[in-house]
PDB file of all heavy atoms in Angstrom:
ATOM      1  N   LEU A   1       0.804  -1.212   0.000  1.00  0.00           N
ATOM      2  CA  LEU A   1       0.000   0.000   0.000  1.00  0.00           C
ATOM      3  C   LEU A   1       0.844   1.271   0.000  1.00  0.00           C
ATOM      4  O   LEU A   1       0.420   2.302  -0.547  1.00  0.00           O
ATOM      5  CB  LEU A   1      -0.941   0.020   1.215  1.00  0.00           C
ATOM      6  CG  LEU A   1      -2.088  -0.998   1.221  1.00  0.00           C
ATOM      7  CD1 LEU A   1      -2.837  -0.936   2.553  1.00  0.00           C
ATOM      8  CD2 LEU A   1      -3.044  -0.735   0.063  1.00  0.00           C
ATOM      9  N   THR A   2       2.037   1.223   0.590  1.00  0.00           N
ATOM     10  CA  THR A   2       2.805   2.458   0.792  1.00  0.00           C
ATOM     11  C   THR A   2       4.189   2.468   0.161  1.00  0.00           C
ATOM     12  O   THR A   2       4.799   3.531   0.044  1.00  0.00           O
ATOM     13  CB  THR A   2       2.959   2.730   2.300  1.00  0.00           C
ATOM     14  OG1 THR A   2       3.708   1.665   2.906  1.00  0.00           O
ATOM     15  CG2 THR A   2       1.598   2.841   2.989  1.00  0.00           C
ATOM     16  N   GLU A   3       4.704   1.299  -0.231  1.00  0.00           N
ATOM     17  CA  GLU A   3       6.067   1.236  -0.739  1.00  0.00           C
ATOM     18  C   GLU A   3       6.121   0.548  -2.104  1.00  0.00           C
ATOM     19  O   GLU A   3       5.169  -0.134  -2.504  1.00  0.00           O
ATOM     20  CB  GLU A   3       6.972   0.489   0.263  1.00  0.00           C
ATOM     21  CG  GLU A   3       7.053   1.146   1.629  1.00  0.00           C
ATOM     22  CD  GLU A   3       7.791   0.303   2.655  1.00  0.00           C
ATOM     23  OE1 GLU A   3       8.229  -0.811   2.304  1.00  0.00           O
ATOM     24  OE2 GLU A   3       7.930   0.751   3.805  1.00  0.00           O
ATOM     25  N   THR A   4       7.210   0.737  -2.792  1.00  0.00           N
ATOM     26  CA  THR A   4       7.425   0.079  -4.096  1.00  0.00           C
ATOM     27  C   THR A   4       8.752  -0.682  -4.058  1.00  0.00           C
ATOM     28  O   THR A   4       9.747  -0.266  -4.662  1.00  0.00           O
ATOM     29  CB  THR A   4       7.447   1.113  -5.237  1.00  0.00           C
ATOM     30  OG1 THR A   4       8.438   2.116  -4.925  1.00  0.00           O
ATOM     31  CG2 THR A   4       6.091   1.764  -5.408  1.00  0.00           C
ATOM     32  N   PRO A   5       8.770  -1.790  -3.316  1.00  0.00           N
ATOM     33  CA  PRO A   5      10.026  -2.544  -3.160  1.00  0.00           C
ATOM     34  C   PRO A   5      10.395  -3.293  -4.437  1.00  0.00           C
ATOM     35  O   PRO A   5       9.535  -3.634  -5.256  1.00  0.00           O
ATOM     36  CB  PRO A   5       9.702  -3.515  -2.032  1.00  0.00           C
ATOM     37  CG  PRO A   5       8.228  -3.743  -2.162  1.00  0.00           C
ATOM     38  CD  PRO A   5       7.657  -2.431  -2.609  1.00  0.00           C
ATOM     39  N   THR A   6      11.661  -3.547  -4.600  1.00  0.00           N
ATOM     40  CA  THR A   6      12.153  -4.378  -5.701  1.00  0.00           C
ATOM     41  C   THR A   6      12.983  -5.508  -5.116  1.00  0.00           C
ATOM     42  O   THR A   6      13.537  -5.398  -4.010  1.00  0.00           O
ATOM     43  CB  THR A   6      13.026  -3.559  -6.668  1.00  0.00           C
ATOM     44  OG1 THR A   6      14.194  -3.083  -5.965  1.00  0.00           O
ATOM     45  CG2 THR A   6      12.248  -2.369  -7.222  1.00  0.00           C
ATOM     46  N   TRP A   7      13.066  -6.613  -5.878  1.00  0.00           N
ATOM     47  CA  TRP A   7      13.848  -7.751  -5.414  1.00  0.00           C
ATOM     48  C   TRP A   7      15.325  -7.389  -5.277  1.00  0.00           C
ATOM     49  O   TRP A   7      16.022  -7.905  -4.402  1.00  0.00           O
ATOM     50  CB  TRP A   7      13.681  -8.929  -6.365  1.00  0.00           C
ATOM     51  CG  TRP A   7      12.364  -9.630  -6.239  1.00  0.00           C
ATOM     52  CD1 TRP A   7      11.352  -9.675  -7.155  1.00  0.00           C
ATOM     53  CD2 TRP A   7      11.910 -10.381  -5.098  1.00  0.00           C
ATOM     54  NE1 TRP A   7      10.287 -10.396  -6.668  1.00  0.00           N
ATOM     55  CE2 TRP A   7      10.606 -10.849  -5.412  1.00  0.00           C
ATOM     56  CE3 TRP A   7      12.461 -10.700  -3.861  1.00  0.00           C
ATOM     57  CZ2 TRP A   7       9.853 -11.612  -4.528  1.00  0.00           C
ATOM     58  CZ3 TRP A   7      11.717 -11.466  -2.980  1.00  0.00           C
ATOM     59  CH2 TRP A   7      10.435 -11.916  -3.309  1.00  0.00           C
ATOM     60  N   SER A   8      15.788  -6.489  -6.124  1.00  0.00           N
ATOM     61  CA  SER A   8      17.197  -6.089  -6.053  1.00  0.00           C
ATOM     62  C   SER A   8      17.487  -5.342  -4.756  1.00  0.00           C
ATOM     63  O   SER A   8      18.548  -5.513  -4.144  1.00  0.00           O
ATOM     64  CB  SER A   8      17.570  -5.228  -7.259  1.00  0.00           C
ATOM     65  OG  SER A   8      16.802  -4.044  -7.295  1.00  0.00           O
ATOM     66  N   ASP A   9      16.534  -4.491  -4.310  1.00  0.00           N
ATOM     67  CA  ASP A   9      16.709  -3.766  -3.046  1.00  0.00           C
ATOM     68  C   ASP A   9      16.740  -4.733  -1.869  1.00  0.00           C
ATOM     69  O   ASP A   9      17.566  -4.612  -0.958  1.00  0.00           O
ATOM     70  CB  ASP A   9      15.584  -2.742  -2.854  1.00  0.00           C
ATOM     71  CG  ASP A   9      15.661  -1.596  -3.850  1.00  0.00           C
ATOM     72  OD1 ASP A   9      16.773  -1.346  -4.358  1.00  0.00           O
ATOM     73  OD2 ASP A   9      14.626  -0.965  -4.111  1.00  0.00           O
ATOM     74  N   ILE A  10      15.819  -5.686  -1.887  1.00  0.00           N
ATOM     75  CA  ILE A  10      15.773  -6.681  -0.811  1.00  0.00           C
ATOM     76  C   ILE A  10      17.046  -7.513  -0.807  1.00  0.00           C
ATOM     77  O   ILE A  10      17.600  -7.832   0.246  1.00  0.00           O
ATOM     78  CB  ILE A  10      14.528  -7.578  -0.962  1.00  0.00           C
ATOM     79  CG1 ILE A  10      13.249  -6.737  -0.810  1.00  0.00           C
ATOM     80  CG2 ILE A  10      14.545  -8.700   0.070  1.00  0.00           C
ATOM     81  CD1 ILE A  10      11.971  -7.527  -1.036  1.00  0.00           C
ATOM     82  N   TRP A  11      17.516  -7.867  -2.008  1.00  0.00           N
ATOM     83  CA  TRP A  11      18.750  -8.658  -2.117  1.00  0.00           C
ATOM     84  C   TRP A  11      19.949  -7.881  -1.589  1.00  0.00           C
ATOM     85  O   TRP A  11      20.836  -8.461  -0.947  1.00  0.00           O
ATOM     86  CB  TRP A  11      18.968  -9.079  -3.561  1.00  0.00           C
ATOM     87  CG  TRP A  11      20.185  -9.937  -3.758  1.00  0.00           C
ATOM     88  CD1 TRP A  11      21.372  -9.583  -4.324  1.00  0.00           C
ATOM     89  CD2 TRP A  11      20.343 -11.300  -3.359  1.00  0.00           C
ATOM     90  NE1 TRP A  11      22.259 -10.617  -4.312  1.00  0.00           N
ATOM     91  CE2 TRP A  11      21.659 -11.695  -3.726  1.00  0.00           C
ATOM     92  CE3 TRP A  11      19.499 -12.225  -2.735  1.00  0.00           C
ATOM     93  CZ2 TRP A  11      22.129 -12.981  -3.477  1.00  0.00           C
ATOM     94  CZ3 TRP A  11      19.984 -13.509  -2.487  1.00  0.00           C
ATOM     95  CH2 TRP A  11      21.281 -13.870  -2.860  1.00  0.00           C
ATOM     96  N   ASP A  12      19.988  -6.576  -1.843  1.00  0.00           N
ATOM     97  CA  ASP A  12      21.085  -5.754  -1.342  1.00  0.00           C
ATOM     98  C   ASP A  12      21.106  -5.727   0.192  1.00  0.00           C
ATOM     99  O   ASP A  12      22.175  -5.576   0.798  1.00  0.00           O
ATOM    100  CB  ASP A  12      20.958  -4.325  -1.875  1.00  0.00           C
ATOM    101  CG  ASP A  12      21.265  -4.233  -3.366  1.00  0.00           C
ATOM    102  OD1 ASP A  12      21.949  -5.132  -3.884  1.00  0.00           O
ATOM    103  OD2 ASP A  12      20.805  -3.263  -4.007  1.00  0.00           O
ATOM    104  N   ALA A  13      19.939  -5.860   0.791  1.00  0.00           N
ATOM    105  CA  ALA A  13      19.842  -5.827   2.257  1.00  0.00           C
ATOM    106  C   ALA A  13      19.797  -7.227   2.858  1.00  0.00           C
ATOM    107  O   ALA A  13      19.459  -7.392   4.034  1.00  0.00           O
ATOM    108  CB  ALA A  13      18.595  -5.039   2.669  1.00  0.00           C
ATOM    109  N   LYS A  14      20.150  -8.251   2.069  1.00  0.00           N
ATOM    110  CA  LYS A  14      19.969  -9.652   2.467  1.00  0.00           C
ATOM    111  C   LYS A  14      20.685 -10.018   3.758  1.00  0.00           C
ATOM    112  O   LYS A  14      20.127 -10.737   4.602  1.00  0.00           O
ATOM    113  CB  LYS A  14      20.420 -10.586   1.342  1.00  0.00           C
ATOM    114  CG  LYS A  14      21.881 -10.443   0.934  1.00  0.00           C
ATOM    115  CD  LYS A  14      22.197 -11.352  -0.236  1.00  0.00           C
ATOM    116  CE  LYS A  14      23.664 -11.224  -0.677  1.00  0.00           C
ATOM    117  NZ  LYS A  14      23.989  -9.862  -1.161  1.00  0.00           N
ATOM    118  N   ILE A  15      21.902  -9.534   3.946  1.00  0.00           N
ATOM    119  CA  ILE A  15      22.663  -9.913   5.141  1.00  0.00           C
ATOM    120  C   ILE A  15      22.007  -9.366   6.400  1.00  0.00           C
ATOM    121  O   ILE A  15      21.840 -10.071   7.398  1.00  0.00           O
ATOM    122  CB  ILE A  15      24.120  -9.426   5.033  1.00  0.00           C
ATOM    123  CG1 ILE A  15      24.824 -10.129   3.874  1.00  0.00           C
ATOM    124  CG2 ILE A  15      24.866  -9.694   6.339  1.00  0.00           C
ATOM    125  CD1 ILE A  15      26.253  -9.683   3.659  1.00  0.00           C
ATOM    126  N   THR A  16      21.622  -8.087   6.352  1.00  0.00           N
ATOM    127  CA  THR A  16      20.979  -7.477   7.522  1.00  0.00           C
ATOM    128  C   THR A  16      19.620  -8.101   7.785  1.00  0.00           C
ATOM    129  O   THR A  16      19.233  -8.323   8.939  1.00  0.00           O
ATOM    130  CB  THR A  16      20.815  -5.957   7.313  1.00  0.00           C
ATOM    131  OG1 THR A  16      19.886  -5.718   6.245  1.00  0.00           O
ATOM    132  CG2 THR A  16      22.136  -5.307   6.963  1.00  0.00           C
ATOM    133  N   ILE A  17      18.871  -8.423   6.712  1.00  0.00           N
ATOM    134  CA  ILE A  17      17.548  -9.030   6.876  1.00  0.00           C
ATOM    135  C   ILE A  17      17.677 -10.443   7.434  1.00  0.00           C
ATOM    136  O   ILE A  17      16.913 -10.851   8.319  1.00  0.00           O
ATOM    137  CB  ILE A  17      16.786  -9.034   5.534  1.00  0.00           C
ATOM    138  CG1 ILE A  17      16.429  -7.605   5.127  1.00  0.00           C
ATOM    139  CG2 ILE A  17      15.518  -9.877   5.644  1.00  0.00           C
ATOM    140  CD1 ILE A  17      15.781  -7.503   3.767  1.00  0.00           C
ATOM    141  N   LEU A  18      18.644 -11.209   6.928  1.00  0.00           N
ATOM    142  CA  LEU A  18      18.852 -12.564   7.429  1.00  0.00           C
ATOM    143  C   LEU A  18      19.240 -12.564   8.909  1.00  0.00           C
ATOM    144  O   LEU A  18      18.763 -13.391   9.689  1.00  0.00           O
ATOM    145  CB  LEU A  18      19.937 -13.263   6.606  1.00  0.00           C
ATOM    146  CG  LEU A  18      19.518 -13.803   5.238  1.00  0.00           C
ATOM    147  CD1 LEU A  18      20.740 -14.272   4.454  1.00  0.00           C
ATOM    148  CD2 LEU A  18      18.513 -14.938   5.392  1.00  0.00           C
ATOM    149  N   TYR A  19      20.100 -11.633   9.279  1.00  0.00           N
ATOM    150  CA  TYR A  19      20.536 -11.558  10.678  1.00  0.00           C
ATOM    151  C   TYR A  19      19.352 -11.208  11.583  1.00  0.00           C
ATOM    152  O   TYR A  19      19.110 -11.867  12.605  1.00  0.00           O
ATOM    153  CB  TYR A  19      21.646 -10.521  10.831  1.00  0.00           C
ATOM    154  CG  TYR A  19      22.222 -10.475  12.231  1.00  0.00           C
ATOM    155  CD1 TYR A  19      23.223 -11.356  12.614  1.00  0.00           C
ATOM    156  CD2 TYR A  19      21.759  -9.564  13.172  1.00  0.00           C
ATOM    157  CE1 TYR A  19      23.755 -11.334  13.890  1.00  0.00           C
ATOM    158  CE2 TYR A  19      22.271  -9.526  14.458  1.00  0.00           C
ATOM    159  CZ  TYR A  19      23.273 -10.418  14.820  1.00  0.00           C
ATOM    160  OH  TYR A  19      23.770 -10.392  16.090  1.00  0.00           O
ATOM    161  N   ALA A  20      18.617 -10.160  11.178  1.00  0.00           N
ATOM    162  CA  ALA A  20      17.481  -9.733  11.987  1.00  0.00           C
ATOM    163  C   ALA A  20      16.375 -10.784  11.994  1.00  0.00           C
ATOM    164  O   ALA A  20      15.728 -11.011  13.018  1.00  0.00           O
ATOM    165  CB  ALA A  20      16.943  -8.398  11.468  1.00  0.00           C
ATOM    166  N   GLY A  21      16.160 -11.442  10.843  1.00  0.00           N
ATOM    167  CA  GLY A  21      15.096 -12.425  10.756  1.00  0.00           C
ATOM    168  C   GLY A  21      15.401 -13.697  11.514  1.00  0.00           C
ATOM    169  O   GLY A  21      14.566 -14.195  12.279  1.00  0.00           O
ATOM    170  N   ALA A  22      16.603 -14.241  11.324  1.00  0.00           N
ATOM    171  CA  ALA A  22      16.955 -15.522  11.948  1.00  0.00           C
ATOM    172  C   ALA A  22      17.231 -15.377  13.439  1.00  0.00           C
ATOM    173  O   ALA A  22      16.717 -16.150  14.256  1.00  0.00           O
ATOM    174  CB  ALA A  22      18.167 -16.128  11.244  1.00  0.00           C
ATOM    175  N   LEU A  23      18.030 -14.382  13.809  1.00  0.00           N
ATOM    176  CA  LEU A  23      18.409 -14.237  15.217  1.00  0.00           C
ATOM    177  C   LEU A  23      17.452 -13.337  15.998  1.00  0.00           C
ATOM    178  O   LEU A  23      16.859 -13.751  16.993  1.00  0.00           O
ATOM    179  CB  LEU A  23      19.837 -13.683  15.316  1.00  0.00           C
ATOM    180  CG  LEU A  23      20.965 -14.676  15.047  1.00  0.00           C
ATOM    181  CD1 LEU A  23      22.319 -14.000  15.195  1.00  0.00           C
ATOM    182  CD2 LEU A  23      20.874 -15.862  15.996  1.00  0.00           C
ATOM    183  N   SER A  24      17.306 -12.071  15.548  1.00  0.00           N
ATOM    184  CA  SER A  24      16.497 -11.121  16.295  1.00  0.00           C
ATOM    185  C   SER A  24      15.038 -11.554  16.353  1.00  0.00           C
ATOM    186  O   SER A  24      14.385 -11.425  17.388  1.00  0.00           O
ATOM    187  CB  SER A  24      16.603  -9.732  15.658  1.00  0.00           C
ATOM    188  OG  SER A  24      15.871  -8.784  16.415  1.00  0.00           O
ATOM    189  N   SER A  25      14.509 -12.073  15.241  1.00  0.00           N
ATOM    190  CA  SER A  25      13.110 -12.518  15.231  1.00  0.00           C
ATOM    191  C   SER A  25      13.003 -13.983  15.644  1.00  0.00           C
ATOM    192  O   SER A  25      12.435 -14.307  16.685  1.00  0.00           O
ATOM    193  CB  SER A  25      12.508 -12.314  13.837  1.00  0.00           C
ATOM    194  OG  SER A  25      12.401 -10.938  13.528  1.00  0.00           O
ATOM    195  N   GLY A  26      13.558 -14.883  14.823  1.00  0.00           N
ATOM    196  CA  GLY A  26      13.378 -16.310  15.059  1.00  0.00           C
ATOM    197  C   GLY A  26      13.846 -16.788  16.415  1.00  0.00           C
ATOM    198  O   GLY A  26      13.122 -17.483  17.124  1.00  0.00           O
ATOM    199  N   VAL A  27      15.051 -16.412  16.820  1.00  0.00           N
ATOM    200  CA  VAL A  27      15.621 -16.894  18.078  1.00  0.00           C
ATOM    201  C   VAL A  27      15.176 -16.041  19.268  1.00  0.00           C
ATOM    202  O   VAL A  27      14.652 -16.558  20.262  1.00  0.00           O
ATOM    203  CB  VAL A  27      17.163 -16.928  18.002  1.00  0.00           C
ATOM    204  CG1 VAL A  27      17.752 -17.322  19.351  1.00  0.00           C
ATOM    205  CG2 VAL A  27      17.617 -17.892  16.922  1.00  0.00           C
ATOM    206  N   ALA A  28      15.370 -14.728  19.174  1.00  0.00           N
ATOM    207  CA  ALA A  28      15.154 -13.857  20.330  1.00  0.00           C
ATOM    208  C   ALA A  28      13.691 -13.797  20.769  1.00  0.00           C
ATOM    209  O   ALA A  28      13.390 -13.901  21.960  1.00  0.00           O
ATOM    210  CB  ALA A  28      15.665 -12.446  20.021  1.00  0.00           C
ATOM    211  N   TYR A  29      12.772 -13.634  19.831  1.00  0.00           N
ATOM    212  CA  TYR A  29      11.355 -13.555  20.213  1.00  0.00           C
ATOM    213  C   TYR A  29      10.853 -14.885  20.762  1.00  0.00           C
ATOM    214  O   TYR A  29       9.960 -14.923  21.618  1.00  0.00           O
ATOM    215  CB  TYR A  29      10.498 -13.111  19.025  1.00  0.00           C
ATOM    216  CG  TYR A  29      10.445 -11.604  18.863  1.00  0.00           C
ATOM    217  CD1 TYR A  29      11.146 -10.965  17.846  1.00  0.00           C
ATOM    218  CD2 TYR A  29       9.692 -10.817  19.731  1.00  0.00           C
ATOM    219  CE1 TYR A  29      11.105  -9.589  17.698  1.00  0.00           C
ATOM    220  CE2 TYR A  29       9.640  -9.441  19.590  1.00  0.00           C
ATOM    221  CZ  TYR A  29      10.346  -8.825  18.563  1.00  0.00           C
ATOM    222  OH  TYR A  29      10.302  -7.458  18.435  1.00  0.00           O
ATOM    223  N   THR A  30      11.426 -15.996  20.284  1.00  0.00           N
ATOM    224  CA  THR A  30      11.069 -17.295  20.846  1.00  0.00           C
ATOM    225  C   THR A  30      11.591 -17.425  22.271  1.00  0.00           C
ATOM    226  O   THR A  30      10.879 -17.904  23.170  1.00  0.00           O
ATOM    227  CB  THR A  30      11.647 -18.427  19.972  1.00  0.00           C
ATOM    228  OG1 THR A  30      11.136 -18.296  18.640  1.00  0.00           O
ATOM    229  CG2 THR A  30      11.243 -19.783  20.522  1.00  0.00           C
ATOM    230  N   LEU A  31      12.823 -16.986  22.495  1.00  0.00           N
ATOM    231  CA  LEU A  31      13.372 -16.990  23.854  1.00  0.00           C
ATOM    232  C   LEU A  31      12.556 -16.081  24.771  1.00  0.00           C
ATOM    233  O   LEU A  31      12.407 -16.355  25.968  1.00  0.00           O
ATOM    234  CB  LEU A  31      14.832 -16.534  23.831  1.00  0.00           C
ATOM    235  CG  LEU A  31      15.856 -17.537  23.281  1.00  0.00           C
ATOM    236  CD1 LEU A  31      17.245 -16.903  23.236  1.00  0.00           C
ATOM    237  CD2 LEU A  31      15.882 -18.803  24.124  1.00  0.00           C
ATOM    238  N   GLN A  32      12.020 -14.983  24.216  1.00  0.00           N
ATOM    239  CA  GLN A  32      11.178 -14.092  25.011  1.00  0.00           C
ATOM    240  C   GLN A  32       9.948 -14.836  25.527  1.00  0.00           C
ATOM    241  O   GLN A  32       9.605 -14.750  26.714  1.00  0.00           O
ATOM    242  CB  GLN A  32      10.731 -12.900  24.184  1.00  0.00           C
ATOM    243  CG  GLN A  32       9.789 -11.955  24.947  1.00  0.00           C
ATOM    244  CD  GLN A  32       9.076 -10.962  24.042  1.00  0.00           C
ATOM    245  OE1 GLN A  32       9.223 -11.000  22.829  1.00  0.00           O
ATOM    246  NE2 GLN A  32       8.284 -10.091  24.642  1.00  0.00           N
ATOM    247  N   ILE A  33       9.284 -15.569  24.633  1.00  0.00           N
ATOM    248  CA  ILE A  33       8.086 -16.310  25.032  1.00  0.00           C
ATOM    249  C   ILE A  33       8.425 -17.399  26.039  1.00  0.00           C
ATOM    250  O   ILE A  33       7.746 -17.555  27.060  1.00  0.00           O
ATOM    251  CB  ILE A  33       7.395 -16.910  23.793  1.00  0.00           C
ATOM    252  CG1 ILE A  33       6.825 -15.788  22.913  1.00  0.00           C
ATOM    253  CG2 ILE A  33       6.280 -17.873  24.192  1.00  0.00           C
ATOM    254  CD1 ILE A  33       6.206 -16.269  21.618  1.00  0.00           C
ATOM    255  N   LEU A  34       9.494 -18.158  25.771  1.00  0.00           N
ATOM    256  CA  LEU A  34       9.900 -19.222  26.682  1.00  0.00           C
ATOM    257  C   LEU A  34      10.357 -18.655  28.020  1.00  0.00           C
ATOM    258  O   LEU A  34      10.070 -19.217  29.085  1.00  0.00           O
ATOM    259  CB  LEU A  34      11.026 -20.053  26.047  1.00  0.00           C
ATOM    260  CG  LEU A  34      10.666 -20.838  24.782  1.00  0.00           C
ATOM    261  CD1 LEU A  34      11.908 -21.495  24.193  1.00  0.00           C
ATOM    262  CD2 LEU A  34       9.603 -21.882  25.079  1.00  0.00           C
ATOM    263  N   GLY A  35      11.082 -17.523  27.979  1.00  0.00           N
ATOM    264  CA  GLY A  35      11.570 -16.906  29.204  1.00  0.00           C
ATOM    265  C   GLY A  35      10.453 -16.332  30.050  1.00  0.00           C
ATOM    266  O   GLY A  35      10.469 -16.438  31.285  1.00  0.00           O
ATOM    267  N   GLN A  36       9.459 -15.721  29.408  1.00  0.00           N
ATOM    268  CA  GLN A  36       8.355 -15.126  30.160  1.00  0.00           C
ATOM    269  C   GLN A  36       7.489 -16.177  30.842  1.00  0.00           C
ATOM    270  O   GLN A  36       6.746 -15.863  31.779  1.00  0.00           O
ATOM    271  CB  GLN A  36       7.489 -14.262  29.239  1.00  0.00           C
ATOM    272  CG  GLN A  36       8.049 -12.871  29.017  1.00  0.00           C
ATOM    273  CD  GLN A  36       7.029 -11.925  28.389  1.00  0.00           C
ATOM    274  OE1 GLN A  36       7.310 -11.310  27.373  1.00  0.00           O
ATOM    275  NE2 GLN A  36       5.876 -11.801  29.004  1.00  0.00           N
ATOM    276  N   LYS A  37       7.575 -17.418  30.378  1.00  0.00           N
ATOM    277  CA  LYS A  37       6.862 -18.506  31.049  1.00  0.00           C
ATOM    278  C   LYS A  37       7.433 -18.760  32.441  1.00  0.00           C
ATOM    279  O   LYS A  37       6.760 -19.318  33.305  1.00  0.00           O
ATOM    280  CB  LYS A  37       6.970 -19.802  30.231  1.00  0.00           C
ATOM    281  CG  LYS A  37       5.945 -19.947  29.127  1.00  0.00           C
ATOM    282  CD  LYS A  37       6.039 -21.353  28.542  1.00  0.00           C
ATOM    283  CE  LYS A  37       4.908 -21.610  27.558  1.00  0.00           C
ATOM    284  NZ  LYS A  37       4.924 -22.998  27.046  1.00  0.00           N
ATOM    285  N   ARG A  38       8.689 -18.354  32.644  1.00  0.00           N
ATOM    286  CA  ARG A  38       9.421 -18.735  33.845  1.00  0.00           C
ATOM    287  C   ARG A  38       9.658 -17.587  34.824  1.00  0.00           C
ATOM    288  O   ARG A  38      10.241 -17.797  35.883  1.00  0.00           O
ATOM    289  CB  ARG A  38      10.770 -19.354  33.446  1.00  0.00           C
ATOM    290  CG  ARG A  38      10.637 -20.659  32.677  1.00  0.00           C
ATOM    291  CD  ARG A  38      11.933 -21.034  31.974  1.00  0.00           C
ATOM    292  NE  ARG A  38      11.914 -22.389  31.434  1.00  0.00           N
ATOM    293  CZ  ARG A  38      11.327 -22.738  30.301  1.00  0.00           C
ATOM    294  NH1 ARG A  38      10.704 -21.817  29.580  1.00  0.00           N
ATOM    295  NH2 ARG A  38      11.345 -23.984  29.882  1.00  0.00           N
ATOM    296  N   THR A  39       9.239 -16.374  34.463  1.00  0.00           N
ATOM    297  CA  THR A  39       9.452 -15.247  35.362  1.00  0.00           C
ATOM    298  C   THR A  39       8.297 -14.274  35.245  1.00  0.00           C
ATOM    299  O   THR A  39       7.410 -14.439  34.408  1.00  0.00           O
ATOM    300  CB  THR A  39      10.789 -14.536  35.040  1.00  0.00           C
ATOM    301  OG1 THR A  39      11.088 -13.596  36.072  1.00  0.00           O
ATOM    302  CG2 THR A  39      10.712 -13.820  33.703  1.00  0.00           C
ATOM    303  N   SER A  40       8.272 -13.255  36.088  1.00  0.00           N
ATOM    304  CA  SER A  40       7.170 -12.301  36.091  1.00  0.00           C
ATOM    305  C   SER A  40       7.346 -11.290  34.966  1.00  0.00           C
ATOM    306  O   SER A  40       8.470 -10.975  34.564  1.00  0.00           O
ATOM    307  CB  SER A  40       7.108 -11.574  37.433  1.00  0.00           C
ATOM    308  OG  SER A  40       8.218 -10.709  37.578  1.00  0.00           O
ATOM    309  N   PRO A  41       6.234 -10.719  34.442  1.00  0.00           N
ATOM    310  CA  PRO A  41       6.338  -9.744  33.348  1.00  0.00           C
ATOM    311  C   PRO A  41       7.085  -8.475  33.740  1.00  0.00           C
ATOM    312  O   PRO A  41       7.744  -7.856  32.906  1.00  0.00           O
ATOM    313  CB  PRO A  41       4.874  -9.440  32.997  1.00  0.00           C
ATOM    314  CG  PRO A  41       4.084  -9.869  34.182  1.00  0.00           C
ATOM    315  CD  PRO A  41       4.836 -11.009  34.789  1.00  0.00           C
ATOM    316  N   ALA A  42       7.006  -8.072  35.019  1.00  0.00           N
ATOM    317  CA  ALA A  42       7.700  -6.858  35.452  1.00  0.00           C
ATOM    318  C   ALA A  42       9.210  -7.027  35.363  1.00  0.00           C
ATOM    319  O   ALA A  42       9.931  -6.160  34.858  1.00  0.00           O
ATOM    320  CB  ALA A  42       7.288  -6.510  36.891  1.00  0.00           C
TER     321      ALA A  42
END
């Protein structure tokens, strides 16, 4: 709706996207859910 991305632009950012996607999203957010099961939200 708001952007006009191209595959070449995404490919140029592939390393940063892979790092953020695999580690920051895939690993870290999963650890957040698992960790919050074991401690208080505060």
